[in-house]
Amino acid sequence: MKYYLCKYIPPRADFLSTLNDEEKQWMAKHSDFLNELLDRGTIVAHGPVIDPAGGYGVSLFRIEDDADIAAITAADPIVQQGIGHYEHYPMLHIRSKG
């Protein structure tokens, strides 16, 4: 298994507080995408980070050795729409409870 902290970088610093109606629809699809990965066990946890410098999203991924993290996050509907991008940070392991 491989483990990653993935950071979703929105298109602007105030994105989370200034979503327009279309962006809200894409964010709902983004949430559905992440929740499906959570249900399958590909994601261990995910959620928004409220940072005074600009909010962003964080997901902890646990993927098979032959899986490509960039390909997985590129399938996120909000990324496919061109609304932000991901950064990927490898982790040595993930310990979780539950």
PDB file of N, CA and C in Angstrom:
ATOM      1  N   MET A   1       0.843  -1.195   0.000  1.00  0.00           N
ATOM      2  CA  MET A   1       0.000   0.000   0.000  1.00  0.00           C
ATOM      3  C   MET A   1       0.878   1.246   0.000  1.00  0.00           C
ATOM      4  N   LYS A   2       0.316   2.316  -0.580  1.00  0.00           N
ATOM      5  CA  LYS A   2       0.950   3.632  -0.572  1.00  0.00           C
ATOM      6  C   LYS A   2      -0.016   4.598   0.116  1.00  0.00           C
ATOM      7  N   TYR A   3       0.555   5.614   0.752  1.00  0.00           N
ATOM      8  CA  TYR A   3      -0.230   6.560   1.531  1.00  0.00           C
ATOM      9  C   TYR A   3       0.127   7.984   1.127  1.00  0.00           C
ATOM     10  N   TYR A   4      -0.891   8.845   1.044  1.00  0.00           N
ATOM     11  CA  TYR A   4      -0.679  10.230   0.638  1.00  0.00           C
ATOM     12  C   TYR A   4      -1.561  11.176   1.429  1.00  0.00           C
ATOM     13  N   LEU A   5      -1.006  12.321   1.758  1.00  0.00           N
ATOM     14  CA  LEU A   5      -1.794  13.467   2.157  1.00  0.00           C
ATOM     15  C   LEU A   5      -1.966  14.266   0.875  1.00  0.00           C
ATOM     16  N   CYS A   6      -3.220  14.490   0.495  1.00  0.00           N
ATOM     17  CA  CYS A   6      -3.497  15.251  -0.717  1.00  0.00           C
ATOM     18  C   CYS A   6      -4.190  16.541  -0.330  1.00  0.00           C
ATOM     19  N   LYS A   7      -3.696  17.615  -0.897  1.00  0.00           N
ATOM     20  CA  LYS A   7      -4.215  18.941  -0.599  1.00  0.00           C
ATOM     21  C   LYS A   7      -4.901  19.477  -1.853  1.00  0.00           C
ATOM     22  N   TYR A   8      -6.210  19.746  -1.750  1.00  0.00           N
ATOM     23  CA  TYR A   8      -6.931  20.366  -2.852  1.00  0.00           C
ATOM     24  C   TYR A   8      -6.749  21.874  -2.747  1.00  0.00           C
ATOM     25  N   ILE A   9      -6.178  22.455  -3.792  1.00  0.00           N
ATOM     26  CA  ILE A   9      -5.922  23.894  -3.831  1.00  0.00           C
ATOM     27  C   ILE A   9      -6.994  24.547  -4.702  1.00  0.00           C
ATOM     28  N   PRO A  10      -7.860  25.351  -4.108  1.00  0.00           N
ATOM     29  CA  PRO A  10      -8.908  25.998  -4.896  1.00  0.00           C
ATOM     30  C   PRO A  10      -8.340  27.119  -5.778  1.00  0.00           C
ATOM     31  N   PRO A  11      -9.148  27.630  -6.686  1.00  0.00           N
ATOM     32  CA  PRO A  11      -8.659  28.614  -7.645  1.00  0.00           C
ATOM     33  C   PRO A  11      -8.377  30.007  -7.080  1.00  0.00           C
ATOM     34  N   ARG A  12      -8.872  30.279  -5.870  1.00  0.00           N
ATOM     35  CA  ARG A  12      -8.615  31.587  -5.253  1.00  0.00           C
ATOM     36  C   ARG A  12      -8.660  31.428  -3.732  1.00  0.00           C
ATOM     37  N   ALA A  13      -7.985  32.310  -3.035  1.00  0.00           N
ATOM     38  CA  ALA A  13      -7.844  32.195  -1.574  1.00  0.00           C
ATOM     39  C   ALA A  13      -9.188  32.231  -0.849  1.00  0.00           C
ATOM     40  N   ASP A  14     -10.132  33.017  -1.331  1.00  0.00           N
ATOM     41  CA  ASP A  14     -11.423  33.148  -0.650  1.00  0.00           C
ATOM     42  C   ASP A  14     -12.497  32.239  -1.254  1.00  0.00           C
ATOM     43  N   PHE A  15     -12.092  31.209  -1.969  1.00  0.00           N
ATOM     44  CA  PHE A  15     -13.000  30.330  -2.690  1.00  0.00           C
ATOM     45  C   PHE A  15     -14.111  29.774  -1.802  1.00  0.00           C
ATOM     46  N   LEU A  16     -13.752  29.225  -0.648  1.00  0.00           N
ATOM     47  CA  LEU A  16     -14.746  28.578   0.214  1.00  0.00           C
ATOM     48  C   LEU A  16     -15.813  29.545   0.732  1.00  0.00           C
ATOM     49  N   SER A  17     -15.478  30.813   0.829  1.00  0.00           N
ATOM     50  CA  SER A  17     -16.450  31.788   1.344  1.00  0.00           C
ATOM     51  C   SER A  17     -17.147  32.579   0.237  1.00  0.00           C
ATOM     52  N   THR A  18     -16.740  32.374  -1.021  1.00  0.00           N
ATOM     53  CA  THR A  18     -17.314  33.165  -2.114  1.00  0.00           C
ATOM     54  C   THR A  18     -17.817  32.301  -3.268  1.00  0.00           C
ATOM     55  N   LEU A  19     -18.191  31.064  -2.977  1.00  0.00           N
ATOM     56  CA  LEU A  19     -18.667  30.175  -4.034  1.00  0.00           C
ATOM     57  C   LEU A  19     -19.890  30.757  -4.743  1.00  0.00           C
ATOM     58  N   ASN A  20     -19.858  30.730  -6.085  1.00  0.00           N
ATOM     59  CA  ASN A  20     -21.060  31.100  -6.820  1.00  0.00           C
ATOM     60  C   ASN A  20     -21.922  29.840  -6.984  1.00  0.00           C
ATOM     61  N   ASP A  21     -23.100  29.979  -7.569  1.00  0.00           N
ATOM     62  CA  ASP A  21     -24.024  28.849  -7.662  1.00  0.00           C
ATOM     63  C   ASP A  21     -23.441  27.679  -8.461  1.00  0.00           C
ATOM     64  N   GLU A  22     -22.757  27.974  -9.550  1.00  0.00           N
ATOM     65  CA  GLU A  22     -22.155  26.902 -10.351  1.00  0.00           C
ATOM     66  C   GLU A  22     -21.054  26.191  -9.560  1.00  0.00           C
ATOM     67  N   GLU A  23     -20.219  26.955  -8.866  1.00  0.00           N
ATOM     68  CA  GLU A  23     -19.158  26.360  -8.052  1.00  0.00           C
ATOM     69  C   GLU A  23     -19.739  25.501  -6.933  1.00  0.00           C
ATOM     70  N   LYS A  24     -20.854  25.909  -6.364  1.00  0.00           N
ATOM     71  CA  LYS A  24     -21.508  25.108  -5.323  1.00  0.00           C
ATOM     72  C   LYS A  24     -21.934  23.750  -5.884  1.00  0.00           C
ATOM     73  N   GLN A  25     -22.432  23.738  -7.103  1.00  0.00           N
ATOM     74  CA  GLN A  25     -22.822  22.475  -7.738  1.00  0.00           C
ATOM     75  C   GLN A  25     -21.601  21.582  -7.950  1.00  0.00           C
ATOM     76  N   TRP A  26     -20.492  22.167  -8.400  1.00  0.00           N
ATOM     77  CA  TRP A  26     -19.274  21.376  -8.613  1.00  0.00           C
ATOM     78  C   TRP A  26     -18.691  20.895  -7.293  1.00  0.00           C
ATOM     79  N   MET A  27     -18.799  21.706  -6.253  1.00  0.00           N
ATOM     80  CA  MET A  27     -18.317  21.274  -4.938  1.00  0.00           C
ATOM     81  C   MET A  27     -19.140  20.108  -4.407  1.00  0.00           C
ATOM     82  N   ALA A  28     -20.428  20.074  -4.705  1.00  0.00           N
ATOM     83  CA  ALA A  28     -21.265  18.938  -4.290  1.00  0.00           C
ATOM     84  C   ALA A  28     -20.798  17.672  -5.011  1.00  0.00           C
ATOM     85  N   LYS A  29     -20.447  17.774  -6.278  1.00  0.00           N
ATOM     86  CA  LYS A  29     -19.933  16.620  -7.028  1.00  0.00           C
ATOM     87  C   LYS A  29     -18.573  16.199  -6.484  1.00  0.00           C
ATOM     88  N   HIS A  30     -17.753  17.172  -6.113  1.00  0.00           N
ATOM     89  CA  HIS A  30     -16.449  16.910  -5.491  1.00  0.00           C
ATOM     90  C   HIS A  30     -16.642  16.130  -4.186  1.00  0.00           C
ATOM     91  N   SER A  31     -17.587  16.569  -3.374  1.00  0.00           N
ATOM     92  CA  SER A  31     -17.875  15.891  -2.112  1.00  0.00           C
ATOM     93  C   SER A  31     -18.367  14.467  -2.350  1.00  0.00           C
ATOM     94  N   ASP A  32     -19.251  14.284  -3.320  1.00  0.00           N
ATOM     95  CA  ASP A  32     -19.739  12.942  -3.650  1.00  0.00           C
ATOM     96  C   ASP A  32     -18.588  12.034  -4.085  1.00  0.00           C
ATOM     97  N   PHE A  33     -17.686  12.566  -4.893  1.00  0.00           N
ATOM     98  CA  PHE A  33     -16.521  11.812  -5.370  1.00  0.00           C
ATOM     99  C   PHE A  33     -15.663  11.349  -4.188  1.00  0.00           C
ATOM    100  N   LEU A  34     -15.359  12.276  -3.282  1.00  0.00           N
ATOM    101  CA  LEU A  34     -14.530  11.932  -2.123  1.00  0.00           C
ATOM    102  C   LEU A  34     -15.247  10.953  -1.202  1.00  0.00           C
ATOM    103  N   ASN A  35     -16.545  11.137  -1.001  1.00  0.00           N
ATOM    104  CA  ASN A  35     -17.294  10.226  -0.133  1.00  0.00           C
ATOM    105  C   ASN A  35     -17.342   8.816  -0.717  1.00  0.00           C
ATOM    106  N   GLU A  36     -17.416   8.699  -2.031  1.00  0.00           N
ATOM    107  CA  GLU A  36     -17.379   7.378  -2.662  1.00  0.00           C
ATOM    108  C   GLU A  36     -16.027   6.702  -2.411  1.00  0.00           C
ATOM    109  N   LEU A  37     -14.939   7.474  -2.519  1.00  0.00           N
ATOM    110  CA  LEU A  37     -13.615   6.928  -2.231  1.00  0.00           C
ATOM    111  C   LEU A  37     -13.479   6.561  -0.750  1.00  0.00           C
ATOM    112  N   LEU A  38     -14.098   7.344   0.115  1.00  0.00           N
ATOM    113  CA  LEU A  38     -14.106   7.049   1.550  1.00  0.00           C
ATOM    114  C   LEU A  38     -14.847   5.742   1.809  1.00  0.00           C
ATOM    115  N   ASP A  39     -15.993   5.574   1.177  1.00  0.00           N
ATOM    116  CA  ASP A  39     -16.782   4.352   1.349  1.00  0.00           C
ATOM    117  C   ASP A  39     -16.028   3.120   0.861  1.00  0.00           C
ATOM    118  N   ARG A  40     -15.207   3.275  -0.169  1.00  0.00           N
ATOM    119  CA  ARG A  40     -14.423   2.154  -0.717  1.00  0.00           C
ATOM    120  C   ARG A  40     -13.131   1.902   0.074  1.00  0.00           C
ATOM    121  N   GLY A  41     -12.780   2.821   0.982  1.00  0.00           N
ATOM    122  CA  GLY A  41     -11.560   2.657   1.762  1.00  0.00           C
ATOM    123  C   GLY A  41     -10.323   3.247   1.112  1.00  0.00           C
ATOM    124  N   THR A  42     -10.491   3.910  -0.027  1.00  0.00           N
ATOM    125  CA  THR A  42      -9.355   4.551  -0.702  1.00  0.00           C
ATOM    126  C   THR A  42      -8.927   5.796   0.048  1.00  0.00           C
ATOM    127  N   ILE A  43      -9.897   6.492   0.623  1.00  0.00           N
ATOM    128  CA  ILE A  43      -9.631   7.658   1.465  1.00  0.00           C
ATOM    129  C   ILE A  43      -9.924   7.264   2.906  1.00  0.00           C
ATOM    130  N   VAL A  44      -9.033   7.653   3.806  1.00  0.00           N
ATOM    131  CA  VAL A  44      -9.196   7.389   5.233  1.00  0.00           C
ATOM    132  C   VAL A  44      -9.995   8.516   5.888  1.00  0.00           C
ATOM    133  N   ALA A  45      -9.773   9.760   5.439  1.00  0.00           N
ATOM    134  CA  ALA A  45     -10.468  10.932   5.969  1.00  0.00           C
ATOM    135  C   ALA A  45     -10.326  12.070   4.977  1.00  0.00           C
ATOM    136  N   HIS A  46     -11.299  12.992   4.999  1.00  0.00           N
ATOM    137  CA  HIS A  46     -11.188  14.189   4.161  1.00  0.00           C
ATOM    138  C   HIS A  46     -12.035  15.306   4.748  1.00  0.00           C
ATOM    139  N   GLY A  47     -11.684  16.540   4.392  1.00  0.00           N
ATOM    140  CA  GLY A  47     -12.474  17.680   4.835  1.00  0.00           C
ATOM    141  C   GLY A  47     -11.795  18.994   4.529  1.00  0.00           C
ATOM    142  N   PRO A  48     -12.555  20.085   4.663  1.00  0.00           N
ATOM    143  CA  PRO A  48     -12.011  21.417   4.406  1.00  0.00           C
ATOM    144  C   PRO A  48     -11.178  21.922   5.583  1.00  0.00           C
ATOM    145  N   VAL A  49     -10.181  22.715   5.254  1.00  0.00           N
ATOM    146  CA  VAL A  49      -9.329  23.356   6.259  1.00  0.00           C
ATOM    147  C   VAL A  49      -9.587  24.861   6.172  1.00  0.00           C
ATOM    148  N   ILE A  50      -9.971  25.444   7.281  1.00  0.00           N
ATOM    149  CA  ILE A  50     -10.228  26.878   7.319  1.00  0.00           C
ATOM    150  C   ILE A  50      -8.936  27.562   7.755  1.00  0.00           C
ATOM    151  N   ASP A  51      -8.286  28.183   6.793  1.00  0.00           N
ATOM    152  CA  ASP A  51      -7.005  28.851   7.014  1.00  0.00           C
ATOM    153  C   ASP A  51      -7.201  30.333   6.707  1.00  0.00           C
ATOM    154  N   PRO A  52      -6.822  31.235   7.620  1.00  0.00           N
ATOM    155  CA  PRO A  52      -6.984  32.668   7.356  1.00  0.00           C
ATOM    156  C   PRO A  52      -6.297  33.115   6.060  1.00  0.00           C
ATOM    157  N   ALA A  53      -5.267  32.423   5.657  1.00  0.00           N
ATOM    158  CA  ALA A  53      -4.563  32.766   4.417  1.00  0.00           C
ATOM    159  C   ALA A  53      -5.283  32.234   3.180  1.00  0.00           C
ATOM    160  N   GLY A  54      -6.269  31.384   3.383  1.00  0.00           N
ATOM    161  CA  GLY A  54      -7.019  30.795   2.275  1.00  0.00           C
ATOM    162  C   GLY A  54      -7.323  29.341   2.549  1.00  0.00           C
ATOM    163  N   GLY A  55      -8.575  28.983   2.495  1.00  0.00           N
ATOM    164  CA  GLY A  55      -8.979  27.610   2.785  1.00  0.00           C
ATOM    165  C   GLY A  55      -8.554  26.647   1.695  1.00  0.00           C
ATOM    166  N   TYR A  56      -8.534  25.373   2.046  1.00  0.00           N
ATOM    167  CA  TYR A  56      -8.180  24.304   1.117  1.00  0.00           C
ATOM    168  C   TYR A  56      -8.761  23.010   1.658  1.00  0.00           C
ATOM    169  N   GLY A  57      -8.658  21.951   0.877  1.00  0.00           N
ATOM    170  CA  GLY A  57      -9.151  20.653   1.310  1.00  0.00           C
ATOM    171  C   GLY A  57      -8.016  19.684   1.551  1.00  0.00           C
ATOM    172  N   VAL A  58      -8.219  18.749   2.473  1.00  0.00           N
ATOM    173  CA  VAL A  58      -7.214  17.727   2.773  1.00  0.00           C
ATOM    174  C   VAL A  58      -7.875  16.358   2.729  1.00  0.00           C
ATOM    175  N   SER A  59      -7.179  15.417   2.110  1.00  0.00           N
ATOM    176  CA  SER A  59      -7.622  14.021   2.082  1.00  0.00           C
ATOM    177  C   SER A  59      -6.433  13.125   2.386  1.00  0.00           C
ATOM    178  N   LEU A  60      -6.674  12.081   3.146  1.00  0.00           N
ATOM    179  CA  LEU A  60      -5.660  11.061   3.407  1.00  0.00           C
ATOM    180  C   LEU A  60      -6.018   9.830   2.586  1.00  0.00           C
ATOM    181  N   PHE A  61      -5.131   9.469   1.671  1.00  0.00           N
ATOM    182  CA  PHE A  61      -5.366   8.347   0.765  1.00  0.00           C
ATOM    183  C   PHE A  61      -4.549   7.131   1.163  1.00  0.00           C
ATOM    184  N   ARG A  62      -5.145   5.967   0.985  1.00  0.00           N
ATOM    185  CA  ARG A  62      -4.477   4.674   1.134  1.00  0.00           C
ATOM    186  C   ARG A  62      -4.782   3.918  -0.157  1.00  0.00           C
ATOM    187  N   ILE A  63      -3.757   3.763  -1.016  1.00  0.00           N
ATOM    188  CA  ILE A  63      -3.988   3.184  -2.339  1.00  0.00           C
ATOM    189  C   ILE A  63      -3.074   1.986  -2.585  1.00  0.00           C
ATOM    190  N   GLU A  64      -3.467   1.177  -3.534  1.00  0.00           N
ATOM    191  CA  GLU A  64      -2.663   0.017  -3.924  1.00  0.00           C
ATOM    192  C   GLU A  64      -1.331   0.472  -4.510  1.00  0.00           C
ATOM    193  N   ASP A  65      -0.319  -0.380  -4.393  1.00  0.00           N
ATOM    194  CA  ASP A  65       1.014  -0.043  -4.884  1.00  0.00           C
ATOM    195  C   ASP A  65       1.042   0.311  -6.363  1.00  0.00           C
ATOM    196  N   ASP A  66       0.176  -0.325  -7.153  1.00  0.00           N
ATOM    197  CA  ASP A  66       0.186  -0.068  -8.590  1.00  0.00           C
ATOM    198  C   ASP A  66      -0.737   1.085  -8.994  1.00  0.00           C
ATOM    199  N   ALA A  67      -1.398   1.728  -8.036  1.00  0.00           N
ATOM    200  CA  ALA A  67      -2.294   2.846  -8.336  1.00  0.00           C
ATOM    201  C   ALA A  67      -1.500   4.151  -8.439  1.00  0.00           C
ATOM    202  N   ASP A  68      -2.010   5.066  -9.238  1.00  0.00           N
ATOM    203  CA  ASP A  68      -1.372   6.364  -9.463  1.00  0.00           C
ATOM    204  C   ASP A  68      -2.216   7.447  -8.791  1.00  0.00           C
ATOM    205  N   ILE A  69      -1.682   8.072  -7.759  1.00  0.00           N
ATOM    206  CA  ILE A  69      -2.432   9.081  -7.011  1.00  0.00           C
ATOM    207  C   ILE A  69      -2.845  10.245  -7.900  1.00  0.00           C
ATOM    208  N   ALA A  70      -1.985  10.640  -8.838  1.00  0.00           N
ATOM    209  CA  ALA A  70      -2.332  11.756  -9.726  1.00  0.00           C
ATOM    210  C   ALA A  70      -3.524  11.399 -10.606  1.00  0.00           C
ATOM    211  N   ALA A  71      -3.588  10.172 -11.060  1.00  0.00           N
ATOM    212  CA  ALA A  71      -4.718   9.744 -11.889  1.00  0.00           C
ATOM    213  C   ALA A  71      -6.007   9.713 -11.068  1.00  0.00           C
ATOM    214  N   ILE A  72      -5.910   9.302  -9.817  1.00  0.00           N
ATOM    215  CA  ILE A  72      -7.095   9.252  -8.956  1.00  0.00           C
ATOM    216  C   ILE A  72      -7.628  10.657  -8.719  1.00  0.00           C
ATOM    217  N   THR A  73      -6.777  11.583  -8.325  1.00  0.00           N
ATOM    218  CA  THR A  73      -7.250  12.940  -8.032  1.00  0.00           C
ATOM    219  C   THR A  73      -7.643  13.687  -9.306  1.00  0.00           C
ATOM    220  N   ALA A  74      -7.062  13.332 -10.448  1.00  0.00           N
ATOM    221  CA  ALA A  74      -7.443  13.959 -11.720  1.00  0.00           C
ATOM    222  C   ALA A  74      -8.874  13.591 -12.108  1.00  0.00           C
ATOM    223  N   ALA A  75      -9.391  12.501 -11.555  1.00  0.00           N
ATOM    224  CA  ALA A  75     -10.764  12.069 -11.844  1.00  0.00           C
ATOM    225  C   ALA A  75     -11.799  12.837 -11.025  1.00  0.00           C
ATOM    226  N   ASP A  76     -11.359  13.653 -10.085  1.00  0.00           N
ATOM    227  CA  ASP A  76     -12.276  14.461  -9.279  1.00  0.00           C
ATOM    228  C   ASP A  76     -13.007  15.429 -10.219  1.00  0.00           C
ATOM    229  N   PRO A  77     -14.341  15.441 -10.191  1.00  0.00           N
ATOM    230  CA  PRO A  77     -15.099  16.305 -11.104  1.00  0.00           C
ATOM    231  C   PRO A  77     -14.704  17.779 -11.049  1.00  0.00           C
ATOM    232  N   ILE A  78     -14.367  18.275  -9.868  1.00  0.00           N
ATOM    233  CA  ILE A  78     -14.020  19.697  -9.763  1.00  0.00           C
ATOM    234  C   ILE A  78     -12.679  19.984 -10.450  1.00  0.00           C
ATOM    235  N   VAL A  79     -11.774  19.031 -10.394  1.00  0.00           N
ATOM    236  CA  VAL A  79     -10.490  19.182 -11.093  1.00  0.00           C
ATOM    237  C   VAL A  79     -10.714  19.065 -12.600  1.00  0.00           C
ATOM    238  N   GLN A  80     -11.539  18.122 -13.011  1.00  0.00           N
ATOM    239  CA  GLN A  80     -11.839  17.978 -14.438  1.00  0.00           C
ATOM    240  C   GLN A  80     -12.492  19.241 -14.992  1.00  0.00           C
ATOM    241  N   GLN A  81     -13.212  19.957 -14.158  1.00  0.00           N
ATOM    242  CA  GLN A  81     -13.850  21.202 -14.579  1.00  0.00           C
ATOM    243  C   GLN A  81     -12.851  22.363 -14.602  1.00  0.00           C
ATOM    244  N   GLY A  82     -11.634  22.141 -14.095  1.00  0.00           N
ATOM    245  CA  GLY A  82     -10.616  23.188 -14.084  1.00  0.00           C
ATOM    246  C   GLY A  82     -10.726  24.129 -12.900  1.00  0.00           C
ATOM    247  N   ILE A  83     -11.398  23.674 -11.845  1.00  0.00           N
ATOM    248  CA  ILE A  83     -11.577  24.497 -10.646  1.00  0.00           C
ATOM    249  C   ILE A  83     -10.631  23.988  -9.565  1.00  0.00           C
ATOM    250  N   GLY A  84      -9.402  24.446  -9.599  1.00  0.00           N
ATOM    251  CA  GLY A  84      -8.399  24.044  -8.616  1.00  0.00           C
ATOM    252  C   GLY A  84      -7.632  22.808  -9.034  1.00  0.00           C
ATOM    253  N   HIS A  85      -6.737  22.404  -8.154  1.00  0.00           N
ATOM    254  CA  HIS A  85      -5.865  21.251  -8.419  1.00  0.00           C
ATOM    255  C   HIS A  85      -5.428  20.634  -7.088  1.00  0.00           C
ATOM    256  N   TYR A  86      -4.781  19.478  -7.179  1.00  0.00           N
ATOM    257  CA  TYR A  86      -4.266  18.788  -5.997  1.00  0.00           C
ATOM    258  C   TYR A  86      -2.741  18.857  -5.932  1.00  0.00           C
ATOM    259  N   GLU A  87      -2.254  18.869  -4.706  1.00  0.00           N
ATOM    260  CA  GLU A  87      -0.848  18.588  -4.412  1.00  0.00           C
ATOM    261  C   GLU A  87      -0.831  17.249  -3.694  1.00  0.00           C
ATOM    262  N   HIS A  88       0.201  16.434  -3.939  1.00  0.00           N
ATOM    263  CA  HIS A  88       0.301  15.080  -3.361  1.00  0.00           C
ATOM    264  C   HIS A  88       1.568  14.975  -2.521  1.00  0.00           C
ATOM    265  N   TYR A  89       1.422  14.503  -1.299  1.00  0.00           N
ATOM    266  CA  TYR A  89       2.553  14.349  -0.386  1.00  0.00           C
ATOM    267  C   TYR A  89       2.606  12.905   0.115  1.00  0.00           C
ATOM    268  N   PRO A  90       3.627  12.141  -0.283  1.00  0.00           N
ATOM    269  CA  PRO A  90       3.740  10.753   0.188  1.00  0.00           C
ATOM    270  C   PRO A  90       3.913  10.707   1.698  1.00  0.00           C
ATOM    271  N   MET A  91       3.339   9.667   2.299  1.00  0.00           N
ATOM    272  CA  MET A  91       3.468   9.419   3.736  1.00  0.00           C
ATOM    273  C   MET A  91       4.057   8.026   3.927  1.00  0.00           C
ATOM    274  N   LEU A  92       4.753   7.820   5.018  1.00  0.00           N
ATOM    275  CA  LEU A  92       5.321   6.485   5.293  1.00  0.00           C
ATOM    276  C   LEU A  92       4.240   5.479   5.636  1.00  0.00           C
ATOM    277  N   HIS A  93       3.218   5.895   6.372  1.00  0.00           N
ATOM    278  CA  HIS A  93       2.107   5.018   6.738  1.00  0.00           C
ATOM    279  C   HIS A  93       0.992   5.881   7.314  1.00  0.00           C
ATOM    280  N   ILE A  94      -0.141   5.257   7.488  1.00  0.00           N
ATOM    281  CA  ILE A  94      -1.273   5.904   8.160  1.00  0.00           C
ATOM    282  C   ILE A  94      -1.760   4.948   9.247  1.00  0.00           C
ATOM    283  N   ARG A  95      -1.883   5.458  10.440  1.00  0.00           N
ATOM    284  CA  ARG A  95      -2.525   4.709  11.522  1.00  0.00           C
ATOM    285  C   ARG A  95      -3.842   5.388  11.803  1.00  0.00           C
ATOM    286  N   SER A  96      -4.876   4.613  11.889  1.00  0.00           N
ATOM    287  CA  SER A  96      -6.178   5.205  12.189  1.00  0.00           C
ATOM    288  C   SER A  96      -6.957   4.268  13.085  1.00  0.00           C
ATOM    289  N   LYS A  97      -7.916   4.831  13.740  1.00  0.00           N
ATOM    290  CA  LYS A  97      -8.773   4.073  14.620  1.00  0.00           C
ATOM    291  C   LYS A  97     -10.121   3.946  13.957  1.00  0.00           C
ATOM    292  N   GLY A  98     -10.767   2.834  14.161  1.00  0.00           N
ATOM    293  CA  GLY A  98     -12.096   2.722  13.631  1.00  0.00           C
ATOM    294  C   GLY A  98     -12.223   1.641  12.698  1.00  0.00           C
TER     295      GLY A  98
END
